[in-house]
Every structure is written in C-alpha cells, then in structure tokens.
Amino acid sequence: MSEGYGSVRSYQRIFSPERCIHQIEGRPVPVPGGVPLRWLGWALGSLVAILALGSGSAIPPTVAAAAAGAGGLAFGDRTAGLLAAAAAAVGCVFLGLVLGVLDWPVRLVVLPIAIATAATQATPDGRRPERYAVSWLALRLAPPRRSLGRGLPPIGATRDHAPRLWFGSDQRGPRLRPARVIGPGVVFFVRPVGVRRPLLGGGLLAFRPGRLTPRRQVREAVELSAGEALQVRP
C-alpha cells in the first residue's frame, strides 16, 4: 500500500481494471505501466478511419450519415435524424480534405498515437470518452420535453385536439344517451345519427335517423364551434 491519498473520480476504474501488455516474449515493454489493450484498439481504429476518410471515397460519409441519422431518430425525432446525418456527412468530407493535406508521418503515425492517448487518458466527468460522447449527443438530439417516450411541443405552443365523446354505458352500444355538449370540439358517434338545427335555434340536435331523414342530415361526426351546443336525444 502506498502512503497518502488519491482522488478517484469513478468507481468503475476499481472494479474494471485496465488490461495492459507488460512483456512481449519475455522482454519488458519500455512503457511505464505497460501498453493498455484499449490504447492499441483506439490506435488501430483511428488508423483505419484515417485511411478510409483520406481515400476520397463516398462510402465513409454515407456510412457515417446513415449511422448518425439512425442515432438521431432513436434519441430524437425526424428533424434530429436529418440534422445528425447532414452534420456527419459534412464532417467526414471536411476531415477527408484536411487529412489529404497532411504528410503521411503526421497522418499515419502522429494522429493515431495522439487520438489513442487522448481516448485512454481523458476521463470527462469520470467516464470513458466514448460513453461521454454518446450521452452528450443523445442529450443534444433528444427533445427538451418528453412524455411517454414522445417529444412534446415547445413551451407556449398550442396543439389542437378533437375530443371524442361516446354516449352510452359502452362505446359499442347502439343506444343513444341524453347528453348536451358545448364546443369547441368534435363529437363522434358509433353509428350515423341525424343532425339538424331546431326551428327556434339553440344549437344543434342529434337524434336517431329514420327512413325519411335526408342524407345531408345524417352524420357520424359533428364539429362544434366555440360556444355552440349539441343536444343529443335518444
């Protein structure tokens, strides 16, 4: 045990020790603490990504746009998916142009080493960089207000809903029940009903249609304006 105190930003480092290479065929690696396997993975992945982006092919931007669009749809809505796909495609094209200007030692040696070192040493808020990046992107792509897994409109925005009112003990029942509904709204019926305006005014009247009821008066839904009343008679 070493004397003194040290700060631990995350308990994951205690329960998930880093796997490192300390020796190769009995010869110690000239790196204090060994070479982490995660560092080798990041270096190899960075080298492959740099070669793909610097090739000038349209496949890397297309794959990146598809992956970013799928992530945007998973965490947000269609707009977030389109924005993420466009940003990924433009970013890949821009990085390809920048990599094409650099010399090969910088592009194939210095950059993979720098990316791998930063990815294994950096611990934003105590987590690995890839986990932090996924959480950060998910937070930016997700709507600011959600309910039941769906995005809500911004604060102050209005959304019109047509309420459905069923008359009867059972919504599948054929019998009409006496009721009075005051708009605004839309009233739906299980079966077509006759709707007419009384001679003395006072709103609309819904009744069971007969054989002599004109077709223009038979409806399945009645739209009410603000303050307009609908009287339902069995």
C-alpha atoms as a PDB file:
ATOM      1  CA  MET A   1       0.000   0.000   0.000  1.00  0.00           C
ATOM      2  CA  SER A   2       1.190   3.483  -0.828  1.00  0.00           C
ATOM      3  CA  GLU A   3       1.038   6.252   1.719  1.00  0.00           C
ATOM      4  CA  GLY A   4      -1.053   9.326   1.061  1.00  0.00           C
ATOM      5  CA  TYR A   5      -4.370   9.917  -0.622  1.00  0.00           C
ATOM      6  CA  GLY A   6      -5.513   9.984  -4.208  1.00  0.00           C
ATOM      7  CA  SER A   7      -8.757  11.099  -5.860  1.00  0.00           C
ATOM      8  CA  VAL A   8     -10.921   8.514  -7.576  1.00  0.00           C
ATOM      9  CA  ARG A   9     -13.379  10.136  -9.990  1.00  0.00           C
ATOM     10  CA  SER A  10     -15.204   6.932 -10.794  1.00  0.00           C
ATOM     11  CA  TYR A  11     -15.506   3.585  -9.019  1.00  0.00           C
ATOM     12  CA  GLN A  12     -15.573   1.864 -12.406  1.00  0.00           C
ATOM     13  CA  ARG A  13     -11.791   2.022 -12.500  1.00  0.00           C
ATOM     14  CA  ILE A  14     -11.651  -0.037  -9.321  1.00  0.00           C
ATOM     15  CA  PHE A  15     -13.986  -2.815 -10.439  1.00  0.00           C
ATOM     16  CA  SER A  16     -12.839  -2.752 -14.099  1.00  0.00           C
ATOM     17  CA  PRO A  17      -9.032  -2.892 -14.094  1.00  0.00           C
ATOM     18  CA  GLU A  18      -7.127  -1.889 -17.220  1.00  0.00           C
ATOM     19  CA  ARG A  19      -5.645  -4.775 -19.186  1.00  0.00           C
ATOM     20  CA  CYS A  20      -2.153  -3.936 -20.333  1.00  0.00           C
ATOM     21  CA  ILE A  21       0.772  -5.566 -22.137  1.00  0.00           C
ATOM     22  CA  HIS A  22       3.865  -5.533 -19.921  1.00  0.00           C
ATOM     23  CA  GLN A  23       6.067  -8.022 -21.737  1.00  0.00           C
ATOM     24  CA  ILE A  24       6.494  -9.348 -25.261  1.00  0.00           C
ATOM     25  CA  GLU A  25       8.208 -12.757 -25.421  1.00  0.00           C
ATOM     26  CA  GLY A  26       9.780 -12.171 -22.036  1.00  0.00           C
ATOM     27  CA  ARG A  27      11.068  -8.704 -22.817  1.00  0.00           C
ATOM     28  CA  PRO A  28       9.563  -5.838 -20.841  1.00  0.00           C
ATOM     29  CA  VAL A  29       7.799  -3.102 -22.767  1.00  0.00           C
ATOM     30  CA  PRO A  30       9.656   0.237 -22.360  1.00  0.00           C
ATOM     31  CA  VAL A  31       6.479   1.996 -21.243  1.00  0.00           C
ATOM     32  CA  PRO A  32       5.775   2.686 -17.556  1.00  0.00           C
ATOM     33  CA  GLY A  33       2.723   0.681 -16.548  1.00  0.00           C
ATOM     34  CA  GLY A  34       2.579  -1.213 -19.849  1.00  0.00           C
ATOM     35  CA  VAL A  35       0.600  -0.602 -23.022  1.00  0.00           C
ATOM     36  CA  PRO A  36      -3.188  -0.818 -22.478  1.00  0.00           C
ATOM     37  CA  LEU A  37      -5.098  -3.039 -24.865  1.00  0.00           C
ATOM     38  CA  ARG A  38      -7.667  -0.296 -25.203  1.00  0.00           C
ATOM     39  CA  TRP A  39      -4.901   2.023 -26.445  1.00  0.00           C
ATOM     40  CA  LEU A  40      -3.989  -0.467 -29.165  1.00  0.00           C
ATOM     41  CA  GLY A  41      -7.648  -0.732 -30.169  1.00  0.00           C
ATOM     42  CA  TRP A  42      -8.023   3.029 -30.409  1.00  0.00           C
ATOM     43  CA  ALA A  43      -4.782   3.366 -32.383  1.00  0.00           C
ATOM     44  CA  LEU A  44      -5.761   0.654 -34.867  1.00  0.00           C
ATOM     45  CA  GLY A  45      -9.309   2.000 -35.217  1.00  0.00           C
ATOM     46  CA  SER A  46      -8.031   5.555 -35.704  1.00  0.00           C
ATOM     47  CA  LEU A  47      -5.587   4.391 -38.384  1.00  0.00           C
ATOM     48  CA  VAL A  48      -8.331   2.558 -40.281  1.00  0.00           C
ATOM     49  CA  ALA A  49     -10.675   5.569 -40.002  1.00  0.00           C
ATOM     50  CA  ILE A  50      -7.946   7.946 -41.221  1.00  0.00           C
ATOM     51  CA  LEU A  51      -7.188   5.729 -44.215  1.00  0.00           C
ATOM     52  CA  ALA A  52     -10.895   5.486 -45.060  1.00  0.00           C
ATOM     53  CA  LEU A  53     -11.531   9.231 -44.752  1.00  0.00           C
ATOM     54  CA  GLY A  54      -8.375  10.155 -46.669  1.00  0.00           C
ATOM     55  CA  SER A  55      -9.187   7.839 -49.570  1.00  0.00           C
ATOM     56  CA  GLY A  56     -11.738  10.264 -51.006  1.00  0.00           C
ATOM     57  CA  SER A  57     -14.390   7.568 -51.327  1.00  0.00           C
ATOM     58  CA  ALA A  58     -18.068   8.337 -50.792  1.00  0.00           C
ATOM     59  CA  ILE A  59     -18.585   5.232 -48.641  1.00  0.00           C
ATOM     60  CA  PRO A  60     -17.315   6.681 -45.288  1.00  0.00           C
ATOM     61  CA  PRO A  61     -19.568   9.800 -45.439  1.00  0.00           C
ATOM     62  CA  THR A  62     -22.527   7.644 -46.452  1.00  0.00           C
ATOM     63  CA  VAL A  63     -21.983   5.154 -43.629  1.00  0.00           C
ATOM     64  CA  ALA A  64     -21.429   7.950 -41.096  1.00  0.00           C
ATOM     65  CA  ALA A  65     -24.568   9.769 -42.250  1.00  0.00           C
ATOM     66  CA  ALA A  66     -26.650   6.583 -42.008  1.00  0.00           C
ATOM     67  CA  ALA A  67     -25.357   5.800 -38.506  1.00  0.00           C
ATOM     68  CA  ALA A  68     -25.838   9.381 -37.297  1.00  0.00           C
ATOM     69  CA  GLY A  69     -29.324   9.540 -38.801  1.00  0.00           C
ATOM     70  CA  ALA A  70     -30.323   6.297 -37.091  1.00  0.00           C
ATOM     71  CA  GLY A  71     -28.999   7.624 -33.787  1.00  0.00           C
ATOM     72  CA  GLY A  72     -30.881  10.883 -34.239  1.00  0.00           C
ATOM     73  CA  LEU A  73     -34.124   9.016 -34.883  1.00  0.00           C
ATOM     74  CA  ALA A  74     -33.513   6.800 -31.843  1.00  0.00           C
ATOM     75  CA  PHE A  75     -32.833   9.667 -29.451  1.00  0.00           C
ATOM     76  CA  GLY A  76     -34.967  12.395 -31.018  1.00  0.00           C
ATOM     77  CA  ASP A  77     -37.310  12.847 -33.949  1.00  0.00           C
ATOM     78  CA  ARG A  78     -37.074  13.016 -37.731  1.00  0.00           C
ATOM     79  CA  THR A  79     -35.607  16.521 -37.685  1.00  0.00           C
ATOM     80  CA  ALA A  80     -32.855  15.449 -35.294  1.00  0.00           C
ATOM     81  CA  GLY A  81     -32.071  12.458 -37.508  1.00  0.00           C
ATOM     82  CA  LEU A  82     -31.760  14.616 -40.631  1.00  0.00           C
ATOM     83  CA  LEU A  83     -29.580  17.176 -38.866  1.00  0.00           C
ATOM     84  CA  ALA A  84     -27.311  14.481 -37.440  1.00  0.00           C
ATOM     85  CA  ALA A  85     -26.962  12.778 -40.829  1.00  0.00           C
ATOM     86  CA  ALA A  86     -26.139  16.058 -42.583  1.00  0.00           C
ATOM     87  CA  ALA A  87     -23.595  17.052 -39.913  1.00  0.00           C
ATOM     88  CA  ALA A  88     -21.902  13.634 -40.089  1.00  0.00           C
ATOM     89  CA  ALA A  89     -21.652  13.717 -43.884  1.00  0.00           C
ATOM     90  CA  VAL A  90     -20.261  17.264 -43.977  1.00  0.00           C
ATOM     91  CA  GLY A  91     -17.844  16.491 -41.128  1.00  0.00           C
ATOM     92  CA  CYS A  92     -16.489  13.410 -42.897  1.00  0.00           C
ATOM     93  CA  VAL A  93     -15.939  15.332 -46.135  1.00  0.00           C
ATOM     94  CA  PHE A  94     -14.191  18.146 -44.272  1.00  0.00           C
ATOM     95  CA  LEU A  95     -11.946  15.746 -42.359  1.00  0.00           C
ATOM     96  CA  GLY A  96     -11.062  13.965 -45.591  1.00  0.00           C
ATOM     97  CA  LEU A  97      -9.935  17.252 -47.132  1.00  0.00           C
ATOM     98  CA  VAL A  98      -7.845  18.126 -44.069  1.00  0.00           C
ATOM     99  CA  LEU A  99      -6.220  14.680 -43.946  1.00  0.00           C
ATOM    100  CA  GLY A 100      -5.337  14.901 -47.622  1.00  0.00           C
ATOM    101  CA  VAL A 101      -3.201  17.995 -46.948  1.00  0.00           C
ATOM    102  CA  LEU A 102      -1.150  16.427 -44.103  1.00  0.00           C
ATOM    103  CA  ASP A 103       2.064  14.494 -44.695  1.00  0.00           C
ATOM    104  CA  TRP A 104       1.966  10.730 -44.245  1.00  0.00           C
ATOM    105  CA  PRO A 105       4.050  10.629 -40.980  1.00  0.00           C
ATOM    106  CA  VAL A 106       1.623  13.008 -39.308  1.00  0.00           C
ATOM    107  CA  ARG A 107      -1.408  11.310 -40.813  1.00  0.00           C
ATOM    108  CA  LEU A 108      -0.420   7.665 -40.223  1.00  0.00           C
ATOM    109  CA  VAL A 109       1.747   7.873 -37.078  1.00  0.00           C
ATOM    110  CA  VAL A 110       1.242  11.032 -35.051  1.00  0.00           C
ATOM    111  CA  LEU A 111      -2.555  11.283 -35.341  1.00  0.00           C
ATOM    112  CA  PRO A 112      -3.345   7.646 -34.357  1.00  0.00           C
ATOM    113  CA  ILE A 113      -0.990   7.904 -31.371  1.00  0.00           C
ATOM    114  CA  ALA A 114      -2.493  11.233 -30.269  1.00  0.00           C
ATOM    115  CA  ILE A 115      -6.079  10.015 -30.648  1.00  0.00           C
ATOM    116  CA  ALA A 116      -5.387   6.756 -28.789  1.00  0.00           C
ATOM    117  CA  THR A 117      -3.586   8.574 -25.964  1.00  0.00           C
ATOM    118  CA  ALA A 118      -6.365  11.135 -25.565  1.00  0.00           C
ATOM    119  CA  ALA A 119      -9.063   8.435 -25.668  1.00  0.00           C
ATOM    120  CA  THR A 120      -7.417   6.363 -22.938  1.00  0.00           C
ATOM    121  CA  GLN A 121      -6.263   9.192 -20.681  1.00  0.00           C
ATOM    122  CA  ALA A 122      -9.177  11.630 -20.858  1.00  0.00           C
ATOM    123  CA  THR A 123     -11.991  10.974 -18.378  1.00  0.00           C
ATOM    124  CA  PRO A 124     -14.676  13.659 -18.717  1.00  0.00           C
ATOM    125  CA  ASP A 125     -16.966  13.505 -15.651  1.00  0.00           C
ATOM    126  CA  GLY A 126     -15.294  10.216 -14.652  1.00  0.00           C
ATOM    127  CA  ARG A 127     -16.422   8.212 -17.695  1.00  0.00           C
ATOM    128  CA  ARG A 128     -14.680   6.996 -20.805  1.00  0.00           C
ATOM    129  CA  PRO A 129     -14.690   9.458 -23.709  1.00  0.00           C
ATOM    130  CA  GLU A 130     -16.869   7.258 -25.944  1.00  0.00           C
ATOM    131  CA  ARG A 131     -19.556   6.902 -23.261  1.00  0.00           C
ATOM    132  CA  TYR A 132     -19.442  10.612 -22.537  1.00  0.00           C
ATOM    133  CA  ALA A 133     -19.730  11.421 -26.268  1.00  0.00           C
ATOM    134  CA  VAL A 134     -22.756   9.144 -26.707  1.00  0.00           C
ATOM    135  CA  SER A 135     -24.510  10.695 -23.692  1.00  0.00           C
ATOM    136  CA  TRP A 136     -23.686  14.220 -24.863  1.00  0.00           C
ATOM    137  CA  LEU A 137     -25.010  13.594 -28.379  1.00  0.00           C
ATOM    138  CA  ALA A 138     -28.142  11.864 -27.065  1.00  0.00           C
ATOM    139  CA  LEU A 139     -28.862  14.847 -24.823  1.00  0.00           C
ATOM    140  CA  ARG A 140     -28.425  17.315 -27.688  1.00  0.00           C
ATOM    141  CA  LEU A 141     -30.546  15.315 -30.146  1.00  0.00           C
ATOM    142  CA  ALA A 142     -33.388  14.461 -27.763  1.00  0.00           C
ATOM    143  CA  PRO A 143     -36.311  16.923 -27.481  1.00  0.00           C
ATOM    144  CA  PRO A 144     -36.111  19.142 -24.381  1.00  0.00           C
ATOM    145  CA  ARG A 145     -39.547  17.983 -23.185  1.00  0.00           C
ATOM    146  CA  ARG A 146     -40.746  14.380 -23.469  1.00  0.00           C
ATOM    147  CA  SER A 147     -43.741  12.411 -22.237  1.00  0.00           C
ATOM    148  CA  LEU A 148     -44.246   8.649 -22.634  1.00  0.00           C
ATOM    149  CA  GLY A 149     -41.201   8.494 -24.882  1.00  0.00           C
ATOM    150  CA  ARG A 150     -42.535  11.128 -27.305  1.00  0.00           C
ATOM    151  CA  GLY A 151     -41.400  14.687 -27.823  1.00  0.00           C
ATOM    152  CA  LEU A 152     -43.665  17.482 -26.623  1.00  0.00           C
ATOM    153  CA  PRO A 153     -44.152  20.831 -28.405  1.00  0.00           C
ATOM    154  CA  PRO A 154     -42.168  23.820 -27.105  1.00  0.00           C
ATOM    155  CA  ILE A 155     -43.485  25.735 -24.140  1.00  0.00           C
ATOM    156  CA  GLY A 156     -46.164  28.169 -25.273  1.00  0.00           C
ATOM    157  CA  ALA A 157     -47.061  26.268 -28.450  1.00  0.00           C
ATOM    158  CA  THR A 158     -50.662  25.204 -28.863  1.00  0.00           C
ATOM    159  CA  ARG A 159     -51.896  21.947 -30.359  1.00  0.00           C
ATOM    160  CA  ASP A 160     -55.486  21.368 -31.369  1.00  0.00           C
ATOM    161  CA  HIS A 161     -57.123  18.084 -30.409  1.00  0.00           C
ATOM    162  CA  ALA A 162     -60.540  16.873 -31.498  1.00  0.00           C
ATOM    163  CA  PRO A 163     -62.053  15.192 -28.422  1.00  0.00           C
ATOM    164  CA  ARG A 164     -64.133  12.057 -28.933  1.00  0.00           C
ATOM    165  CA  LEU A 165     -67.205  11.772 -26.722  1.00  0.00           C
ATOM    166  CA  TRP A 166     -69.031   8.425 -26.535  1.00  0.00           C
ATOM    167  CA  PHE A 167     -72.639   8.353 -25.317  1.00  0.00           C
ATOM    168  CA  GLY A 168     -73.726   5.207 -23.521  1.00  0.00           C
ATOM    169  CA  SER A 169     -72.514   2.772 -20.919  1.00  0.00           C
ATOM    170  CA  ASP A 170     -70.484   1.023 -23.600  1.00  0.00           C
ATOM    171  CA  GLN A 171     -68.826   2.682 -26.562  1.00  0.00           C
ATOM    172  CA  ARG A 172     -70.036  -0.175 -28.785  1.00  0.00           C
ATOM    173  CA  GLY A 173     -73.639   0.140 -27.616  1.00  0.00           C
ATOM    174  CA  PRO A 174     -76.180   1.114 -30.316  1.00  0.00           C
ATOM    175  CA  ARG A 175     -78.366   3.176 -27.976  1.00  0.00           C
ATOM    176  CA  LEU A 176     -78.065   6.932 -27.719  1.00  0.00           C
ATOM    177  CA  ARG A 177     -77.952   8.548 -24.290  1.00  0.00           C
ATOM    178  CA  PRO A 178     -79.255  12.021 -23.487  1.00  0.00           C
ATOM    179  CA  ALA A 179     -76.403  14.493 -23.371  1.00  0.00           C
ATOM    180  CA  ARG A 180     -75.516  18.103 -24.013  1.00  0.00           C
ATOM    181  CA  VAL A 181     -72.087  19.033 -25.395  1.00  0.00           C
ATOM    182  CA  ILE A 182     -70.776  22.562 -25.724  1.00  0.00           C
ATOM    183  CA  GLY A 183     -67.941  23.289 -28.160  1.00  0.00           C
ATOM    184  CA  PRO A 184     -65.357  23.787 -29.346  1.00  0.00           C
ATOM    185  CA  GLY A 185     -64.725  20.162 -30.272  1.00  0.00           C
ATOM    186  CA  VAL A 186     -65.683  17.251 -32.483  1.00  0.00           C
ATOM    187  CA  VAL A 187     -68.275  14.674 -31.358  1.00  0.00           C
ATOM    188  CA  PHE A 188     -68.033  11.188 -32.871  1.00  0.00           C
ATOM    189  CA  PHE A 189     -70.834   8.620 -32.859  1.00  0.00           C
ATOM    190  CA  VAL A 190     -70.639   4.841 -33.144  1.00  0.00           C
ATOM    191  CA  ARG A 191     -73.433   4.840 -35.717  1.00  0.00           C
ATOM    192  CA  PRO A 192     -74.665   7.612 -38.023  1.00  0.00           C
ATOM    193  CA  VAL A 193     -77.135   9.986 -36.412  1.00  0.00           C
ATOM    194  CA  GLY A 194     -79.400  12.664 -37.751  1.00  0.00           C
ATOM    195  CA  VAL A 195     -78.300  16.224 -37.051  1.00  0.00           C
ATOM    196  CA  ARG A 196     -80.446  19.278 -37.620  1.00  0.00           C
ATOM    197  CA  ARG A 197     -80.852  22.739 -36.269  1.00  0.00           C
ATOM    198  CA  PRO A 198     -84.126  23.345 -34.341  1.00  0.00           C
ATOM    199  CA  LEU A 199     -86.557  25.923 -35.664  1.00  0.00           C
ATOM    200  CA  LEU A 200     -86.181  28.025 -32.523  1.00  0.00           C
ATOM    201  CA  GLY A 201     -82.388  27.886 -32.643  1.00  0.00           C
ATOM    202  CA  GLY A 202     -80.319  26.975 -29.635  1.00  0.00           C
ATOM    203  CA  GLY A 203     -77.582  24.901 -31.271  1.00  0.00           C
ATOM    204  CA  LEU A 204     -77.791  21.511 -32.953  1.00  0.00           C
ATOM    205  CA  LEU A 205     -79.928  18.478 -32.285  1.00  0.00           C
ATOM    206  CA  ALA A 206     -78.713  14.879 -32.722  1.00  0.00           C
ATOM    207  CA  PHE A 207     -81.320  12.099 -32.977  1.00  0.00           C
ATOM    208  CA  ARG A 208     -81.733   8.575 -34.290  1.00  0.00           C
ATOM    209  CA  PRO A 209     -82.237   8.843 -38.069  1.00  0.00           C
ATOM    210  CA  GLY A 210     -85.275   7.337 -39.742  1.00  0.00           C
ATOM    211  CA  ARG A 211     -86.106   6.319 -43.264  1.00  0.00           C
ATOM    212  CA  LEU A 212     -87.359   9.791 -44.131  1.00  0.00           C
ATOM    213  CA  THR A 213     -84.312  11.598 -42.729  1.00  0.00           C
ATOM    214  CA  PRO A 214     -82.476  13.434 -45.542  1.00  0.00           C
ATOM    215  CA  ARG A 215     -78.991  12.171 -46.272  1.00  0.00           C
ATOM    216  CA  ARG A 216     -77.499  15.598 -45.808  1.00  0.00           C
ATOM    217  CA  GLN A 217     -78.542  15.460 -42.143  1.00  0.00           C
ATOM    218  CA  VAL A 218     -77.007  12.009 -41.424  1.00  0.00           C
ATOM    219  CA  ARG A 219     -73.528  12.272 -39.955  1.00  0.00           C
ATOM    220  CA  GLU A 220     -71.021  10.249 -37.963  1.00  0.00           C
ATOM    221  CA  ALA A 221     -69.191  13.263 -36.521  1.00  0.00           C
ATOM    222  CA  VAL A 222     -70.352  16.736 -35.579  1.00  0.00           C
ATOM    223  CA  GLU A 223     -67.929  19.629 -35.375  1.00  0.00           C
ATOM    224  CA  LEU A 224     -68.834  22.333 -32.879  1.00  0.00           C
ATOM    225  CA  SER A 225     -67.513  25.850 -32.830  1.00  0.00           C
ATOM    226  CA  ALA A 226     -66.743  27.762 -29.677  1.00  0.00           C
ATOM    227  CA  GLY A 227     -69.867  28.068 -27.530  1.00  0.00           C
ATOM    228  CA  GLU A 228     -72.039  26.017 -29.901  1.00  0.00           C
ATOM    229  CA  ALA A 229     -74.200  23.382 -28.157  1.00  0.00           C
ATOM    230  CA  LEU A 230     -75.223  19.921 -29.314  1.00  0.00           C
ATOM    231  CA  GLN A 231     -78.290  18.297 -27.752  1.00  0.00           C
ATOM    232  CA  VAL A 232     -78.396  14.502 -28.057  1.00  0.00           C
ATOM    233  CA  ARG A 233     -81.829  12.837 -27.791  1.00  0.00           C
ATOM    234  CA  PRO A 234     -82.343   9.063 -27.717  1.00  0.00           C
END
